[in-house]
Amino acid sequence: MTSSVVRVSTCLTSCVLAGVVLVACAPSTLPQPAGSTESASPAIGGSLSGTPEPELTEAGQTGRDRLTRRYECNTGEMIRVRYPDVQTAIVAYDGKKRAMHLAVAADGARYVGHRYEWWTRGSGPRASATLYAHDADNSTGRELLQCHEID
């Protein structure tokens, strides 16, 4: 009986060690699990984050003018927003340009700064965006504009 226990114990130890060796030798470039943003791609072009992606010029370079998006809002007002990088949106509103920085969002891309919040969902023509004014306690306050991208 003792030799059976020793054999089983030796077999289990060998299996565990073999598993550790296999894991240690596995390439670090394994594909991401299904459902992760690294392995996912949108069904119809565009960014998964909701951040507008810069378009490429014919030479394959991003042009400064290509990083600017125009939005038409429910008030009839036109808003210009420049995205110099994925972390920043410069929103031209009420005669001033306000730099806002990417913040956590459950949906889309949300930028905050200067007591305002610019929240986009989707990218490309007809993508939606909302401008909010923050309250004194820095929480999202009232909605100022409902907009959609026009180019």
N, C-alpha and C. Protein backbone atom coordinates (compact mmCIF):
# COMPACT_ATOMS: atom_id res chain seq x y z
N MET A 1 0.82 -1.19 0.00
CA MET A 1 0.00 0.00 0.00
C MET A 1 0.87 1.25 0.00
N THR A 2 1.95 1.22 0.74
CA THR A 2 2.84 2.37 0.82
C THR A 2 3.48 2.65 -0.53
N SER A 3 3.85 1.61 -1.26
CA SER A 3 4.47 1.83 -2.57
C SER A 3 3.46 2.43 -3.56
N SER A 4 2.17 2.09 -3.43
CA SER A 4 1.14 2.68 -4.29
C SER A 4 1.00 4.17 -4.03
N VAL A 5 1.04 4.55 -2.77
CA VAL A 5 0.92 5.96 -2.40
C VAL A 5 2.13 6.73 -2.93
N VAL A 6 3.32 6.12 -2.82
CA VAL A 6 4.54 6.77 -3.30
C VAL A 6 4.47 6.94 -4.80
N ARG A 7 3.99 5.90 -5.53
CA ARG A 7 3.87 5.99 -6.99
C ARG A 7 2.90 7.10 -7.40
N VAL A 8 1.74 7.15 -6.74
CA VAL A 8 0.74 8.17 -7.06
C VAL A 8 1.31 9.56 -6.77
N SER A 9 1.97 9.69 -5.63
CA SER A 9 2.56 10.97 -5.25
C SER A 9 3.64 11.39 -6.25
N THR A 10 4.48 10.45 -6.67
CA THR A 10 5.52 10.73 -7.66
C THR A 10 4.91 11.12 -8.99
N CYS A 11 3.85 10.43 -9.39
CA CYS A 11 3.18 10.73 -10.66
C CYS A 11 2.57 12.13 -10.62
N LEU A 12 1.90 12.48 -9.52
CA LEU A 12 1.30 13.80 -9.39
C LEU A 12 2.36 14.90 -9.41
N THR A 13 3.46 14.67 -8.71
CA THR A 13 4.55 15.64 -8.69
C THR A 13 5.10 15.84 -10.09
N SER A 14 5.28 14.76 -10.84
CA SER A 14 5.80 14.85 -12.21
C SER A 14 4.84 15.62 -13.10
N CYS A 15 3.55 15.36 -12.95
CA CYS A 15 2.55 16.07 -13.77
C CYS A 15 2.55 17.57 -13.47
N VAL A 16 2.62 17.92 -12.20
CA VAL A 16 2.64 19.33 -11.81
C VAL A 16 3.89 20.01 -12.35
N LEU A 17 5.05 19.37 -12.22
CA LEU A 17 6.29 19.94 -12.74
C LEU A 17 6.23 20.10 -14.26
N ALA A 18 5.67 19.12 -14.95
CA ALA A 18 5.55 19.21 -16.41
C ALA A 18 4.66 20.39 -16.79
N GLY A 19 3.59 20.58 -16.04
CA GLY A 19 2.69 21.71 -16.31
C GLY A 19 3.39 23.04 -16.09
N VAL A 20 4.19 23.14 -15.03
CA VAL A 20 4.92 24.37 -14.74
C VAL A 20 5.92 24.66 -15.85
N VAL A 21 6.62 23.63 -16.32
CA VAL A 21 7.59 23.80 -17.40
C VAL A 21 6.89 24.26 -18.67
N LEU A 22 5.74 23.68 -19.00
CA LEU A 22 5.01 24.09 -20.20
C LEU A 22 4.55 25.54 -20.11
N VAL A 23 4.06 25.93 -18.97
CA VAL A 23 3.61 27.31 -18.80
C VAL A 23 4.79 28.27 -18.90
N ALA A 24 5.92 27.90 -18.31
CA ALA A 24 7.10 28.76 -18.35
C ALA A 24 7.64 28.91 -19.76
N CYS A 25 7.45 27.91 -20.60
CA CYS A 25 7.96 27.95 -21.97
C CYS A 25 6.98 28.57 -22.95
N ALA A 26 5.77 28.83 -22.51
CA ALA A 26 4.75 29.36 -23.42
C ALA A 26 5.15 30.75 -23.90
N PRO A 27 4.89 31.04 -25.17
CA PRO A 27 5.23 32.38 -25.67
C PRO A 27 4.38 33.45 -25.00
N SER A 28 4.96 34.61 -24.82
CA SER A 28 4.23 35.70 -24.18
C SER A 28 3.31 36.42 -25.16
N THR A 29 3.29 35.95 -26.39
CA THR A 29 2.47 36.60 -27.41
C THR A 29 1.21 35.80 -27.72
N LEU A 30 0.71 35.10 -26.74
CA LEU A 30 -0.52 34.35 -26.95
C LEU A 30 -1.66 35.31 -27.26
N PRO A 31 -2.61 34.90 -28.08
CA PRO A 31 -3.74 35.80 -28.38
C PRO A 31 -4.53 36.10 -27.13
N GLN A 32 -5.11 37.30 -27.09
CA GLN A 32 -5.94 37.70 -25.96
C GLN A 32 -7.22 36.88 -25.96
N PRO A 33 -7.80 36.64 -24.78
CA PRO A 33 -9.06 35.89 -24.73
C PRO A 33 -10.17 36.63 -25.46
N ALA A 34 -11.12 35.86 -25.96
CA ALA A 34 -12.26 36.45 -26.67
C ALA A 34 -12.95 37.45 -25.75
N GLY A 35 -13.34 38.58 -26.32
CA GLY A 35 -14.04 39.59 -25.55
C GLY A 35 -13.13 40.68 -25.01
N SER A 36 -11.80 40.48 -25.08
CA SER A 36 -10.90 41.54 -24.62
C SER A 36 -10.76 42.58 -25.71
N THR A 37 -10.50 43.81 -25.32
CA THR A 37 -10.40 44.87 -26.31
C THR A 37 -9.18 44.70 -27.19
N GLU A 38 -8.15 43.99 -26.70
CA GLU A 38 -6.96 43.80 -27.52
C GLU A 38 -7.24 42.87 -28.69
N SER A 39 -8.15 41.90 -28.52
CA SER A 39 -8.41 40.96 -29.60
C SER A 39 -9.64 41.34 -30.41
N ALA A 40 -10.40 42.29 -29.91
CA ALA A 40 -11.64 42.65 -30.60
C ALA A 40 -11.37 43.68 -31.68
N SER A 41 -12.23 43.67 -32.66
CA SER A 41 -12.19 44.73 -33.67
C SER A 41 -13.62 45.08 -34.00
N PRO A 42 -13.88 46.35 -34.22
CA PRO A 42 -15.26 46.74 -34.48
C PRO A 42 -15.77 46.13 -35.77
N ALA A 43 -17.05 45.83 -35.80
CA ALA A 43 -17.65 45.23 -36.99
C ALA A 43 -17.58 46.18 -38.18
N ILE A 44 -17.72 47.46 -37.93
CA ILE A 44 -17.69 48.45 -39.01
C ILE A 44 -16.72 49.55 -38.61
N GLY A 45 -15.45 49.37 -38.82
CA GLY A 45 -14.41 50.38 -38.60
C GLY A 45 -14.61 51.26 -37.39
N GLY A 46 -13.59 51.98 -37.00
CA GLY A 46 -13.69 52.92 -35.91
C GLY A 46 -13.03 52.41 -34.65
N SER A 47 -12.91 53.28 -33.70
CA SER A 47 -12.23 52.98 -32.46
C SER A 47 -13.16 52.27 -31.50
N LEU A 48 -12.61 51.30 -30.75
CA LEU A 48 -13.40 50.63 -29.72
C LEU A 48 -13.62 51.56 -28.53
N SER A 49 -12.72 52.49 -28.31
CA SER A 49 -12.82 53.36 -27.15
C SER A 49 -13.86 54.45 -27.31
N GLY A 50 -14.28 54.71 -28.54
CA GLY A 50 -15.21 55.80 -28.79
C GLY A 50 -14.48 57.09 -29.07
N THR A 51 -13.17 57.09 -28.93
CA THR A 51 -12.39 58.28 -29.23
C THR A 51 -12.27 58.43 -30.73
N PRO A 52 -12.58 59.58 -31.28
CA PRO A 52 -12.44 59.76 -32.73
C PRO A 52 -11.00 59.51 -33.15
N GLU A 53 -10.83 58.68 -34.16
CA GLU A 53 -9.50 58.38 -34.65
C GLU A 53 -9.11 59.37 -35.74
N PRO A 54 -7.84 59.80 -35.73
CA PRO A 54 -7.42 60.71 -36.79
C PRO A 54 -7.40 59.98 -38.13
N GLU A 55 -7.80 60.68 -39.17
CA GLU A 55 -7.77 60.08 -40.49
C GLU A 55 -6.39 60.32 -41.09
N LEU A 56 -5.97 59.44 -41.99
CA LEU A 56 -4.67 59.57 -42.61
C LEU A 56 -4.77 60.38 -43.89
N THR A 57 -3.75 61.17 -44.15
CA THR A 57 -3.67 61.88 -45.42
C THR A 57 -3.19 60.91 -46.48
N GLU A 58 -3.14 61.34 -47.72
CA GLU A 58 -2.71 60.45 -48.79
C GLU A 58 -1.30 59.93 -48.56
N ALA A 59 -0.46 60.72 -47.92
CA ALA A 59 0.91 60.28 -47.66
C ALA A 59 0.97 59.32 -46.48
N GLY A 60 -0.17 59.07 -45.83
CA GLY A 60 -0.20 58.16 -44.70
C GLY A 60 0.11 58.83 -43.37
N GLN A 61 0.23 60.13 -43.36
CA GLN A 61 0.51 60.87 -42.13
C GLN A 61 -0.78 61.51 -41.63
N THR A 62 -0.87 61.69 -40.33
CA THR A 62 -2.04 62.39 -39.81
C THR A 62 -1.82 63.87 -39.97
N GLY A 63 -2.79 64.55 -40.53
CA GLY A 63 -2.69 66.00 -40.71
C GLY A 63 -3.35 66.70 -39.56
N ARG A 64 -2.84 67.87 -39.19
CA ARG A 64 -3.41 68.61 -38.06
C ARG A 64 -4.89 68.90 -38.28
N ASP A 65 -5.26 69.24 -39.53
CA ASP A 65 -6.66 69.53 -39.81
C ASP A 65 -7.53 68.28 -39.68
N ARG A 66 -6.93 67.11 -39.86
CA ARG A 66 -7.69 65.86 -39.76
C ARG A 66 -8.02 65.51 -38.31
N LEU A 67 -7.34 66.14 -37.35
CA LEU A 67 -7.60 65.87 -35.95
C LEU A 67 -8.72 66.74 -35.39
N THR A 68 -9.25 67.61 -36.21
CA THR A 68 -10.33 68.48 -35.78
C THR A 68 -11.66 67.93 -36.29
N ARG A 69 -12.62 67.86 -35.41
CA ARG A 69 -13.96 67.38 -35.77
C ARG A 69 -14.96 68.51 -35.53
N ARG A 70 -15.98 68.53 -36.37
CA ARG A 70 -17.06 69.52 -36.22
C ARG A 70 -18.32 68.79 -35.78
N TYR A 71 -19.03 69.42 -34.86
CA TYR A 71 -20.26 68.86 -34.33
C TYR A 71 -21.37 69.89 -34.47
N GLU A 72 -22.54 69.42 -34.88
CA GLU A 72 -23.73 70.26 -34.93
C GLU A 72 -24.56 69.91 -33.70
N CYS A 73 -25.01 70.94 -32.99
CA CYS A 73 -25.70 70.71 -31.72
C CYS A 73 -27.18 71.05 -31.80
N ASN A 74 -27.92 70.59 -30.80
CA ASN A 74 -29.37 70.76 -30.77
C ASN A 74 -29.80 72.23 -30.73
N THR A 75 -28.90 73.12 -30.39
CA THR A 75 -29.21 74.55 -30.37
C THR A 75 -28.95 75.21 -31.72
N GLY A 76 -28.43 74.43 -32.68
CA GLY A 76 -28.03 74.97 -33.97
C GLY A 76 -26.59 75.43 -33.97
N GLU A 77 -25.98 75.43 -32.81
CA GLU A 77 -24.59 75.85 -32.65
C GLU A 77 -23.64 74.80 -33.24
N MET A 78 -22.53 75.26 -33.80
CA MET A 78 -21.49 74.37 -34.31
C MET A 78 -20.33 74.40 -33.32
N ILE A 79 -19.85 73.22 -32.95
CA ILE A 79 -18.73 73.11 -32.02
C ILE A 79 -17.56 72.47 -32.76
N ARG A 80 -16.37 73.03 -32.58
CA ARG A 80 -15.15 72.43 -33.13
C ARG A 80 -14.37 71.83 -31.97
N VAL A 81 -13.91 70.60 -32.18
CA VAL A 81 -13.11 69.93 -31.16
C VAL A 81 -11.86 69.39 -31.84
N ARG A 82 -10.71 69.69 -31.24
CA ARG A 82 -9.45 69.16 -31.75
C ARG A 82 -8.96 68.08 -30.80
N TYR A 83 -8.53 66.96 -31.37
CA TYR A 83 -8.01 65.83 -30.62
C TYR A 83 -6.52 65.67 -30.95
N PRO A 84 -5.63 66.39 -30.24
CA PRO A 84 -4.21 66.31 -30.57
C PRO A 84 -3.60 64.95 -30.25
N ASP A 85 -4.21 64.23 -29.33
CA ASP A 85 -3.80 62.86 -29.00
C ASP A 85 -5.00 62.17 -28.37
N VAL A 86 -4.89 60.89 -28.06
CA VAL A 86 -6.05 60.15 -27.54
C VAL A 86 -6.41 60.55 -26.12
N GLN A 87 -5.54 61.28 -25.45
CA GLN A 87 -5.79 61.68 -24.06
C GLN A 87 -6.43 63.06 -23.93
N THR A 88 -6.50 63.82 -25.03
CA THR A 88 -6.88 65.23 -24.93
C THR A 88 -7.93 65.62 -25.97
N ALA A 89 -8.87 66.45 -25.55
CA ALA A 89 -9.83 67.08 -26.46
C ALA A 89 -9.80 68.58 -26.15
N ILE A 90 -9.66 69.39 -27.18
CA ILE A 90 -9.70 70.84 -27.00
C ILE A 90 -11.02 71.31 -27.60
N VAL A 91 -11.95 71.67 -26.72
CA VAL A 91 -13.31 72.00 -27.12
C VAL A 91 -13.45 73.52 -27.23
N ALA A 92 -13.84 73.99 -28.41
CA ALA A 92 -14.09 75.42 -28.63
C ALA A 92 -15.58 75.65 -28.37
N TYR A 93 -15.87 76.32 -27.24
CA TYR A 93 -17.26 76.56 -26.85
C TYR A 93 -17.36 77.92 -26.18
N ASP A 94 -18.39 78.65 -26.51
CA ASP A 94 -18.68 79.94 -25.88
C ASP A 94 -17.50 80.92 -26.02
N GLY A 95 -16.86 80.88 -27.19
CA GLY A 95 -15.77 81.81 -27.47
C GLY A 95 -14.43 81.47 -26.85
N LYS A 96 -14.32 80.31 -26.19
CA LYS A 96 -13.06 79.92 -25.55
C LYS A 96 -12.70 78.49 -25.94
N LYS A 97 -11.40 78.21 -25.94
CA LYS A 97 -10.92 76.84 -26.16
C LYS A 97 -10.57 76.25 -24.81
N ARG A 98 -11.15 75.09 -24.52
CA ARG A 98 -10.94 74.45 -23.23
C ARG A 98 -10.29 73.09 -23.43
N ALA A 99 -9.10 72.90 -22.87
CA ALA A 99 -8.42 71.61 -22.94
C ALA A 99 -9.02 70.69 -21.88
N MET A 100 -9.42 69.52 -22.31
CA MET A 100 -9.99 68.53 -21.40
C MET A 100 -9.21 67.24 -21.56
N HIS A 101 -9.15 66.46 -20.48
CA HIS A 101 -8.36 65.24 -20.49
C HIS A 101 -9.23 64.02 -20.28
N LEU A 102 -8.82 62.93 -20.89
CA LEU A 102 -9.56 61.67 -20.85
C LEU A 102 -9.81 61.24 -19.41
N ALA A 103 -11.02 60.81 -19.13
CA ALA A 103 -11.42 60.32 -17.81
C ALA A 103 -12.10 58.97 -17.98
N VAL A 104 -12.28 58.26 -16.89
CA VAL A 104 -12.93 56.96 -16.93
C VAL A 104 -14.36 57.11 -17.41
N ALA A 105 -14.77 56.22 -18.31
CA ALA A 105 -16.14 56.22 -18.83
C ALA A 105 -16.57 54.78 -19.08
N ALA A 106 -17.80 54.47 -18.74
CA ALA A 106 -18.32 53.13 -19.00
C ALA A 106 -18.64 52.95 -20.48
N ASP A 107 -18.87 54.06 -21.16
CA ASP A 107 -19.28 54.00 -22.56
C ASP A 107 -18.70 55.21 -23.29
N GLY A 108 -18.03 55.01 -24.39
CA GLY A 108 -17.51 56.12 -25.18
C GLY A 108 -16.24 56.71 -24.59
N ALA A 109 -15.95 57.94 -24.97
CA ALA A 109 -14.78 58.66 -24.47
C ALA A 109 -15.26 59.91 -23.75
N ARG A 110 -14.79 60.08 -22.52
CA ARG A 110 -15.22 61.20 -21.69
C ARG A 110 -14.00 62.04 -21.35
N TYR A 111 -14.10 63.33 -21.62
CA TYR A 111 -13.01 64.27 -21.34
C TYR A 111 -13.52 65.30 -20.34
N VAL A 112 -12.69 65.65 -19.35
CA VAL A 112 -13.10 66.62 -18.34
C VAL A 112 -12.02 67.69 -18.16
N GLY A 113 -12.45 68.88 -17.81
CA GLY A 113 -11.53 69.97 -17.52
C GLY A 113 -12.24 71.31 -17.58
N HIS A 114 -11.70 72.27 -16.83
CA HIS A 114 -12.23 73.64 -16.82
C HIS A 114 -13.72 73.67 -16.48
N ARG A 115 -14.13 72.79 -15.57
CA ARG A 115 -15.52 72.71 -15.10
C ARG A 115 -16.50 72.28 -16.18
N TYR A 116 -15.97 71.62 -17.22
CA TYR A 116 -16.82 71.09 -18.29
C TYR A 116 -16.50 69.62 -18.51
N GLU A 117 -17.40 68.96 -19.21
CA GLU A 117 -17.24 67.55 -19.56
C GLU A 117 -17.74 67.35 -20.99
N TRP A 118 -16.92 66.72 -21.82
CA TRP A 118 -17.26 66.43 -23.22
C TRP A 118 -17.28 64.92 -23.36
N TRP A 119 -18.44 64.36 -23.69
CA TRP A 119 -18.60 62.91 -23.72
C TRP A 119 -19.03 62.48 -25.11
N THR A 120 -18.18 61.70 -25.78
CA THR A 120 -18.49 61.23 -27.14
C THR A 120 -18.81 59.74 -27.12
N ARG A 121 -19.65 59.34 -28.06
CA ARG A 121 -19.99 57.92 -28.23
C ARG A 121 -19.95 57.62 -29.72
N GLY A 122 -19.08 56.70 -30.10
CA GLY A 122 -18.92 56.36 -31.50
C GLY A 122 -17.91 57.27 -32.17
N SER A 123 -17.70 57.05 -33.45
CA SER A 123 -16.80 57.92 -34.22
C SER A 123 -17.30 58.01 -35.64
N GLY A 124 -16.94 59.08 -36.29
CA GLY A 124 -17.38 59.29 -37.66
C GLY A 124 -18.68 60.06 -37.72
N PRO A 125 -19.13 60.33 -38.94
CA PRO A 125 -20.36 61.10 -39.11
C PRO A 125 -21.52 60.50 -38.30
N ARG A 126 -22.25 61.36 -37.65
CA ARG A 126 -23.42 61.03 -36.83
C ARG A 126 -23.05 60.49 -35.45
N ALA A 127 -21.77 60.41 -35.10
CA ALA A 127 -21.39 60.02 -33.74
C ALA A 127 -21.94 61.08 -32.79
N SER A 128 -22.36 60.66 -31.61
CA SER A 128 -22.98 61.61 -30.68
C SER A 128 -21.96 62.16 -29.69
N ALA A 129 -22.25 63.34 -29.18
CA ALA A 129 -21.41 63.98 -28.17
C ALA A 129 -22.30 64.89 -27.33
N THR A 130 -21.96 64.99 -26.05
CA THR A 130 -22.72 65.83 -25.13
C THR A 130 -21.75 66.69 -24.33
N LEU A 131 -22.09 67.95 -24.17
CA LEU A 131 -21.29 68.86 -23.35
C LEU A 131 -22.07 69.13 -22.07
N TYR A 132 -21.40 68.93 -20.93
CA TYR A 132 -21.99 69.17 -19.62
C TYR A 132 -21.20 70.25 -18.90
N ALA A 133 -21.86 70.97 -18.01
CA ALA A 133 -21.18 71.90 -17.09
C ALA A 133 -21.10 71.18 -15.74
N HIS A 134 -19.93 71.22 -15.10
CA HIS A 134 -19.78 70.59 -13.79
C HIS A 134 -20.33 71.49 -12.70
N ASP A 135 -20.87 70.87 -11.66
CA ASP A 135 -21.35 71.60 -10.50
C ASP A 135 -20.16 72.02 -9.63
N ALA A 136 -20.42 72.81 -8.61
CA ALA A 136 -19.37 73.30 -7.72
C ALA A 136 -18.60 72.16 -7.05
N ASP A 137 -19.27 71.03 -6.80
CA ASP A 137 -18.59 69.89 -6.17
C ASP A 137 -17.85 69.03 -7.21
N ASN A 138 -17.75 69.51 -8.44
CA ASN A 138 -17.05 68.86 -9.56
C ASN A 138 -17.77 67.62 -10.08
N SER A 139 -19.03 67.44 -9.72
CA SER A 139 -19.81 66.34 -10.28
C SER A 139 -20.46 66.82 -11.58
N THR A 140 -20.85 65.85 -12.41
CA THR A 140 -21.51 66.21 -13.66
C THR A 140 -22.78 66.96 -13.34
N GLY A 141 -22.90 68.12 -13.89
CA GLY A 141 -24.05 68.96 -13.62
C GLY A 141 -25.04 68.94 -14.75
N ARG A 142 -25.35 70.10 -15.26
CA ARG A 142 -26.41 70.18 -16.27
C ARG A 142 -25.86 69.95 -17.68
N GLU A 143 -26.73 69.41 -18.50
CA GLU A 143 -26.40 69.21 -19.91
C GLU A 143 -26.52 70.54 -20.63
N LEU A 144 -25.47 70.91 -21.37
CA LEU A 144 -25.49 72.16 -22.13
C LEU A 144 -25.88 71.93 -23.58
N LEU A 145 -25.29 70.92 -24.20
CA LEU A 145 -25.52 70.67 -25.62
C LEU A 145 -25.55 69.18 -25.93
N GLN A 146 -26.44 68.81 -26.84
CA GLN A 146 -26.46 67.47 -27.45
C GLN A 146 -26.00 67.67 -28.88
N CYS A 147 -24.95 66.97 -29.31
CA CYS A 147 -24.37 67.22 -30.63
C CYS A 147 -24.17 65.91 -31.39
N HIS A 148 -23.93 66.05 -32.69
CA HIS A 148 -23.51 64.91 -33.51
C HIS A 148 -22.44 65.37 -34.48
N GLU A 149 -21.50 64.47 -34.75
CA GLU A 149 -20.39 64.79 -35.64
C GLU A 149 -20.90 64.94 -37.06
N ILE A 150 -20.40 65.96 -37.76
CA ILE A 150 -20.87 66.16 -39.13
C ILE A 150 -19.80 65.91 -40.18
N ASP A 151 -18.55 65.76 -39.79
CA ASP A 151 -17.52 65.38 -40.77
C ASP A 151 -16.37 64.69 -40.13
